[in-house]
Amino acid sequence: MTQRASRPRTVKNDNVTRIHLNLDAVENERGDLEPFAFMLNGKEIVTKNPDELDWKEIMAITDGVSLLAKVLEPEDRKWIITQEFKGFKLRALLNGFQEHYGVDTVPNDVASRFS
C-alpha cells in the first residue's frame, strides 16, 4: 500500500487565510547568549551572535568560513585575512564557535543551520 504525502491545507473563511505561524510573535527562545571570544596572534576577537543575523545573510552561508565572515566585525574580518594560522586552528575555532552557539558550521541545507 502506497501512502500519499499529506499537503498542508489552507482554510479560507470569508476570503481570509488562517495563519499557521505568526513570525511577528516569535521571540528568540535562547535569549541573549554570551558572546564567543577567541584569541589569535595576541588579538582578542569577539563574534556576533548568529541568531541575530539577517535571514539574507544566513541564506548566503555555505560553510564554516563564510559563517565566520558574517559574525566578525568588519575591522576584525579585514585583520584576520592578513593573518597566518594553520588549518587545525581554524578547525578548533569553528568547532568552538559551533559548540558555543549550537550552530552547524558546515550545513547540509538551510534548515539545519541553526538548532
N, C-alpha and C. Protein backbone atom coordinates (compact mmCIF):
# COMPACT_ATOMS: atom_id res chain seq x y z
N MET A 1 0.83 -1.17 0.00
CA MET A 1 0.00 0.00 0.00
C MET A 1 0.89 1.24 0.00
N THR A 2 0.63 2.14 -0.89
CA THR A 2 1.41 3.37 -1.01
C THR A 2 0.72 4.47 -0.23
N GLN A 3 1.51 5.19 0.57
CA GLN A 3 0.96 6.31 1.32
C GLN A 3 1.22 7.59 0.56
N ARG A 4 0.20 8.42 0.50
CA ARG A 4 0.36 9.73 -0.12
C ARG A 4 0.80 10.71 0.94
N ALA A 5 1.74 11.54 0.55
CA ALA A 5 2.17 12.60 1.46
C ALA A 5 1.04 13.61 1.59
N SER A 6 0.72 13.94 2.82
CA SER A 6 -0.35 14.91 3.00
C SER A 6 0.19 16.31 2.79
N ARG A 7 -0.59 17.12 2.16
CA ARG A 7 -0.22 18.51 1.92
C ARG A 7 -0.94 19.37 2.94
N PRO A 8 -0.29 20.45 3.39
CA PRO A 8 -0.98 21.34 4.31
C PRO A 8 -2.20 21.93 3.62
N ARG A 9 -3.27 22.02 4.37
CA ARG A 9 -4.50 22.60 3.81
C ARG A 9 -4.59 24.05 4.24
N THR A 10 -5.00 24.87 3.31
CA THR A 10 -5.26 26.26 3.62
C THR A 10 -6.75 26.40 3.82
N VAL A 11 -7.12 26.90 4.97
CA VAL A 11 -8.53 27.05 5.29
C VAL A 11 -8.91 28.51 5.08
N LYS A 12 -9.89 28.71 4.23
CA LYS A 12 -10.32 30.08 3.97
C LYS A 12 -11.72 30.28 4.53
N ASN A 13 -11.89 31.41 5.15
CA ASN A 13 -13.18 31.79 5.70
C ASN A 13 -13.40 33.25 5.33
N ASP A 14 -14.38 33.48 4.50
CA ASP A 14 -14.63 34.85 4.03
C ASP A 14 -13.38 35.44 3.39
N ASN A 15 -12.70 34.63 2.57
CA ASN A 15 -11.51 35.06 1.84
C ASN A 15 -10.34 35.44 2.75
N VAL A 16 -10.31 34.96 3.99
CA VAL A 16 -9.21 35.20 4.90
C VAL A 16 -8.50 33.87 5.13
N THR A 17 -7.20 33.84 4.91
CA THR A 17 -6.43 32.63 5.11
C THR A 17 -6.01 32.55 6.58
N ARG A 18 -6.17 31.36 7.16
CA ARG A 18 -5.75 31.14 8.54
C ARG A 18 -4.23 31.14 8.60
N ILE A 19 -3.67 31.83 9.56
CA ILE A 19 -2.23 31.92 9.74
C ILE A 19 -1.76 30.73 10.57
N HIS A 20 -0.79 29.97 10.05
CA HIS A 20 -0.28 28.81 10.76
C HIS A 20 0.91 29.16 11.65
N LEU A 21 1.62 30.21 11.32
CA LEU A 21 2.78 30.63 12.10
C LEU A 21 2.89 32.14 12.02
N ASN A 22 2.83 32.79 13.16
CA ASN A 22 2.95 34.24 13.22
C ASN A 22 4.38 34.59 13.61
N LEU A 23 5.22 34.87 12.62
CA LEU A 23 6.61 35.20 12.90
C LEU A 23 6.75 36.52 13.65
N ASP A 24 5.75 37.38 13.55
CA ASP A 24 5.79 38.64 14.30
C ASP A 24 5.76 38.41 15.80
N ALA A 25 5.27 37.26 16.23
CA ALA A 25 5.15 36.97 17.66
C ALA A 25 6.28 36.07 18.17
N VAL A 26 7.16 35.62 17.28
CA VAL A 26 8.23 34.70 17.68
C VAL A 26 9.34 35.46 18.39
N GLU A 27 9.74 34.95 19.54
CA GLU A 27 10.84 35.51 20.32
C GLU A 27 12.01 34.54 20.25
N ASN A 28 13.20 35.03 20.47
CA ASN A 28 14.38 34.17 20.50
C ASN A 28 14.35 33.38 21.81
N GLU A 29 14.04 32.09 21.72
CA GLU A 29 13.91 31.25 22.91
C GLU A 29 15.23 31.08 23.65
N ARG A 30 16.33 31.24 22.95
CA ARG A 30 17.64 31.06 23.58
C ARG A 30 18.09 32.32 24.31
N GLY A 31 17.41 33.43 24.07
CA GLY A 31 17.75 34.67 24.76
C GLY A 31 19.11 35.21 24.34
N ASP A 32 19.62 36.10 25.14
CA ASP A 32 20.93 36.68 24.87
C ASP A 32 22.02 35.71 25.33
N LEU A 33 22.79 35.24 24.39
CA LEU A 33 23.89 34.33 24.70
C LEU A 33 25.16 35.14 24.91
N GLU A 34 26.01 34.64 25.77
CA GLU A 34 27.31 35.28 25.99
C GLU A 34 28.08 35.29 24.67
N PRO A 35 28.70 36.41 24.31
CA PRO A 35 29.46 36.44 23.06
C PRO A 35 30.60 35.42 23.06
N PHE A 36 30.91 34.89 21.90
CA PHE A 36 32.03 33.97 21.74
C PHE A 36 33.27 34.80 21.43
N ALA A 37 34.31 34.65 22.24
CA ALA A 37 35.56 35.38 22.04
C ALA A 37 36.69 34.38 21.87
N PHE A 38 37.64 34.74 21.02
CA PHE A 38 38.81 33.89 20.83
C PHE A 38 40.04 34.79 20.65
N MET A 39 41.19 34.18 20.87
CA MET A 39 42.47 34.88 20.76
C MET A 39 43.21 34.32 19.55
N LEU A 40 43.72 35.21 18.72
CA LEU A 40 44.53 34.81 17.57
C LEU A 40 45.70 35.77 17.45
N ASN A 41 46.89 35.22 17.49
CA ASN A 41 48.11 36.02 17.35
C ASN A 41 48.11 37.24 18.27
N GLY A 42 47.66 37.02 19.52
CA GLY A 42 47.69 38.07 20.53
C GLY A 42 46.53 39.04 20.51
N LYS A 43 45.59 38.86 19.59
CA LYS A 43 44.43 39.76 19.49
C LYS A 43 43.17 39.04 19.92
N GLU A 44 42.39 39.68 20.79
CA GLU A 44 41.10 39.13 21.20
C GLU A 44 40.03 39.57 20.20
N ILE A 45 39.27 38.61 19.74
CA ILE A 45 38.20 38.88 18.77
C ILE A 45 36.90 38.34 19.34
N VAL A 46 35.86 39.15 19.29
CA VAL A 46 34.53 38.78 19.78
C VAL A 46 33.59 38.71 18.58
N THR A 47 32.84 37.61 18.49
CA THR A 47 31.92 37.42 17.37
C THR A 47 30.52 37.93 17.71
N LYS A 48 29.76 38.15 16.65
CA LYS A 48 28.34 38.47 16.80
C LYS A 48 27.58 37.17 17.06
N ASN A 49 26.41 37.29 17.68
CA ASN A 49 25.53 36.14 17.88
C ASN A 49 24.89 35.79 16.54
N PRO A 50 25.08 34.57 16.03
CA PRO A 50 24.50 34.21 14.73
C PRO A 50 22.97 34.23 14.73
N ASP A 51 22.33 34.13 15.89
CA ASP A 51 20.86 34.22 15.95
C ASP A 51 20.38 35.59 15.49
N GLU A 52 21.24 36.58 15.58
CA GLU A 52 20.84 37.94 15.25
C GLU A 52 21.17 38.34 13.81
N LEU A 53 21.72 37.42 13.03
CA LEU A 53 21.99 37.72 11.62
C LEU A 53 20.68 37.86 10.85
N ASP A 54 20.69 38.69 9.84
CA ASP A 54 19.54 38.83 8.96
C ASP A 54 19.39 37.54 8.14
N TRP A 55 18.17 37.19 7.82
CA TRP A 55 17.92 35.94 7.11
C TRP A 55 18.66 35.89 5.77
N LYS A 56 18.84 37.03 5.10
CA LYS A 56 19.56 37.04 3.82
C LYS A 56 21.03 36.68 4.02
N GLU A 57 21.60 37.11 5.14
CA GLU A 57 22.98 36.74 5.45
C GLU A 57 23.08 35.24 5.71
N ILE A 58 22.10 34.69 6.41
CA ILE A 58 22.09 33.25 6.70
C ILE A 58 21.99 32.44 5.41
N MET A 59 21.16 32.90 4.49
CA MET A 59 20.99 32.17 3.22
C MET A 59 22.29 32.15 2.40
N ALA A 60 23.17 33.13 2.61
CA ALA A 60 24.42 33.21 1.86
C ALA A 60 25.53 32.35 2.47
N ILE A 61 25.28 31.78 3.64
CA ILE A 61 26.30 30.97 4.31
C ILE A 61 26.38 29.60 3.64
N THR A 62 27.58 29.23 3.22
CA THR A 62 27.76 27.94 2.55
C THR A 62 28.66 27.00 3.32
N ASP A 63 29.44 27.54 4.27
CA ASP A 63 30.36 26.70 5.04
C ASP A 63 30.79 27.46 6.29
N GLY A 64 31.64 26.84 7.07
CA GLY A 64 32.08 27.44 8.32
C GLY A 64 32.82 28.75 8.14
N VAL A 65 33.62 28.85 7.08
CA VAL A 65 34.38 30.06 6.86
C VAL A 65 33.45 31.22 6.50
N SER A 66 32.44 30.97 5.67
CA SER A 66 31.50 32.05 5.32
C SER A 66 30.65 32.43 6.53
N LEU A 67 30.35 31.48 7.41
CA LEU A 67 29.65 31.81 8.65
C LEU A 67 30.53 32.70 9.51
N LEU A 68 31.79 32.34 9.65
CA LEU A 68 32.71 33.13 10.44
C LEU A 68 32.81 34.55 9.89
N ALA A 69 32.87 34.69 8.58
CA ALA A 69 32.95 36.02 7.96
C ALA A 69 31.73 36.87 8.32
N LYS A 70 30.57 36.26 8.44
CA LYS A 70 29.34 37.01 8.77
C LYS A 70 29.29 37.45 10.22
N VAL A 71 29.95 36.71 11.11
CA VAL A 71 29.84 37.04 12.54
C VAL A 71 31.00 37.88 13.06
N LEU A 72 31.97 38.17 12.21
CA LEU A 72 33.07 39.03 12.61
C LEU A 72 32.74 40.49 12.28
N GLU A 73 33.21 41.38 13.12
CA GLU A 73 33.09 42.81 12.82
C GLU A 73 33.96 43.10 11.60
N PRO A 74 33.59 44.08 10.77
CA PRO A 74 34.35 44.35 9.54
C PRO A 74 35.85 44.55 9.77
N GLU A 75 36.22 45.28 10.84
CA GLU A 75 37.66 45.51 11.07
C GLU A 75 38.37 44.22 11.47
N ASP A 76 37.68 43.34 12.21
CA ASP A 76 38.27 42.05 12.57
C ASP A 76 38.38 41.14 11.34
N ARG A 77 37.38 41.20 10.47
CA ARG A 77 37.41 40.40 9.24
C ARG A 77 38.60 40.82 8.38
N LYS A 78 38.84 42.13 8.25
CA LYS A 78 39.98 42.61 7.46
C LYS A 78 41.30 42.17 8.09
N TRP A 79 41.36 42.22 9.42
CA TRP A 79 42.59 41.86 10.12
C TRP A 79 42.88 40.36 9.98
N ILE A 80 41.87 39.54 10.20
CA ILE A 80 42.10 38.08 10.22
C ILE A 80 42.55 37.57 8.86
N ILE A 81 42.12 38.22 7.79
CA ILE A 81 42.54 37.81 6.45
C ILE A 81 44.04 37.97 6.27
N THR A 82 44.63 38.91 6.98
CA THR A 82 46.07 39.16 6.85
C THR A 82 46.92 38.22 7.71
N GLN A 83 46.27 37.43 8.55
CA GLN A 83 46.99 36.58 9.50
C GLN A 83 47.26 35.20 8.91
N GLU A 84 48.37 34.63 9.36
CA GLU A 84 48.67 33.25 9.00
C GLU A 84 48.41 32.37 10.21
N PHE A 85 47.65 31.31 9.99
CA PHE A 85 47.46 30.30 11.02
C PHE A 85 47.05 29.01 10.34
N LYS A 86 47.36 27.91 10.97
CA LYS A 86 47.19 26.58 10.39
C LYS A 86 45.73 26.13 10.40
N GLY A 87 45.45 25.17 9.55
CA GLY A 87 44.11 24.63 9.42
C GLY A 87 43.57 24.02 10.71
N PHE A 88 44.44 23.41 11.52
CA PHE A 88 43.95 22.81 12.76
C PHE A 88 43.43 23.89 13.71
N LYS A 89 43.98 25.11 13.62
CA LYS A 89 43.48 26.20 14.45
C LYS A 89 42.13 26.70 13.92
N LEU A 90 41.98 26.75 12.61
CA LEU A 90 40.68 27.12 12.04
C LEU A 90 39.63 26.10 12.45
N ARG A 91 39.99 24.82 12.38
CA ARG A 91 39.06 23.76 12.79
C ARG A 91 38.67 23.93 14.25
N ALA A 92 39.65 24.22 15.12
CA ALA A 92 39.36 24.43 16.54
C ALA A 92 38.45 25.64 16.73
N LEU A 93 38.70 26.70 15.97
CA LEU A 93 37.86 27.90 16.06
C LEU A 93 36.42 27.58 15.64
N LEU A 94 36.25 26.93 14.52
CA LEU A 94 34.90 26.61 14.04
C LEU A 94 34.19 25.65 14.99
N ASN A 95 34.91 24.67 15.52
CA ASN A 95 34.31 23.74 16.48
C ASN A 95 33.90 24.46 17.76
N GLY A 96 34.76 25.35 18.25
CA GLY A 96 34.43 26.12 19.45
C GLY A 96 33.23 27.01 19.25
N PHE A 97 33.17 27.67 18.09
CA PHE A 97 32.04 28.53 17.75
C PHE A 97 30.76 27.70 17.68
N GLN A 98 30.85 26.56 17.00
CA GLN A 98 29.70 25.67 16.86
C GLN A 98 29.19 25.21 18.21
N GLU A 99 30.09 24.79 19.07
CA GLU A 99 29.69 24.31 20.40
C GLU A 99 29.09 25.44 21.24
N HIS A 100 29.70 26.62 21.18
CA HIS A 100 29.23 27.75 21.99
C HIS A 100 27.81 28.18 21.60
N TYR A 101 27.57 28.33 20.30
CA TYR A 101 26.27 28.84 19.84
C TYR A 101 25.29 27.75 19.44
N GLY A 102 25.76 26.51 19.32
CA GLY A 102 24.85 25.44 18.92
C GLY A 102 24.42 25.56 17.47
N VAL A 103 25.35 25.96 16.60
CA VAL A 103 25.04 26.07 15.18
C VAL A 103 25.86 25.07 14.40
N ASP A 104 25.38 24.71 13.23
CA ASP A 104 26.08 23.80 12.34
C ASP A 104 26.97 24.65 11.44
N THR A 105 28.28 24.53 11.57
CA THR A 105 29.18 25.36 10.78
C THR A 105 29.39 24.85 9.36
N VAL A 106 28.96 23.63 9.08
CA VAL A 106 29.00 23.10 7.72
C VAL A 106 27.62 22.53 7.41
N PRO A 107 26.66 23.42 7.09
CA PRO A 107 25.28 22.99 6.94
C PRO A 107 25.04 22.12 5.72
N ASN A 108 24.12 21.17 5.88
CA ASN A 108 23.69 20.37 4.74
C ASN A 108 22.62 21.09 3.95
N ASP A 109 21.80 21.86 4.64
CA ASP A 109 20.78 22.66 3.98
C ASP A 109 20.43 23.82 4.91
N VAL A 110 19.64 24.73 4.43
CA VAL A 110 19.34 25.93 5.19
C VAL A 110 18.67 25.61 6.52
N ALA A 111 17.78 24.65 6.54
CA ALA A 111 17.04 24.33 7.76
C ALA A 111 17.95 23.80 8.87
N SER A 112 19.07 23.19 8.50
CA SER A 112 19.94 22.60 9.51
C SER A 112 20.95 23.60 10.08
N ARG A 113 20.93 24.81 9.60
CA ARG A 113 21.97 25.77 10.00
C ARG A 113 21.88 26.18 11.44
N PHE A 114 20.69 26.26 11.99
CA PHE A 114 20.53 26.65 13.38
C PHE A 114 19.70 25.61 14.09
N SER A 115 20.14 25.24 15.28
CA SER A 115 19.41 24.22 16.04
C SER A 115 18.43 24.87 16.97
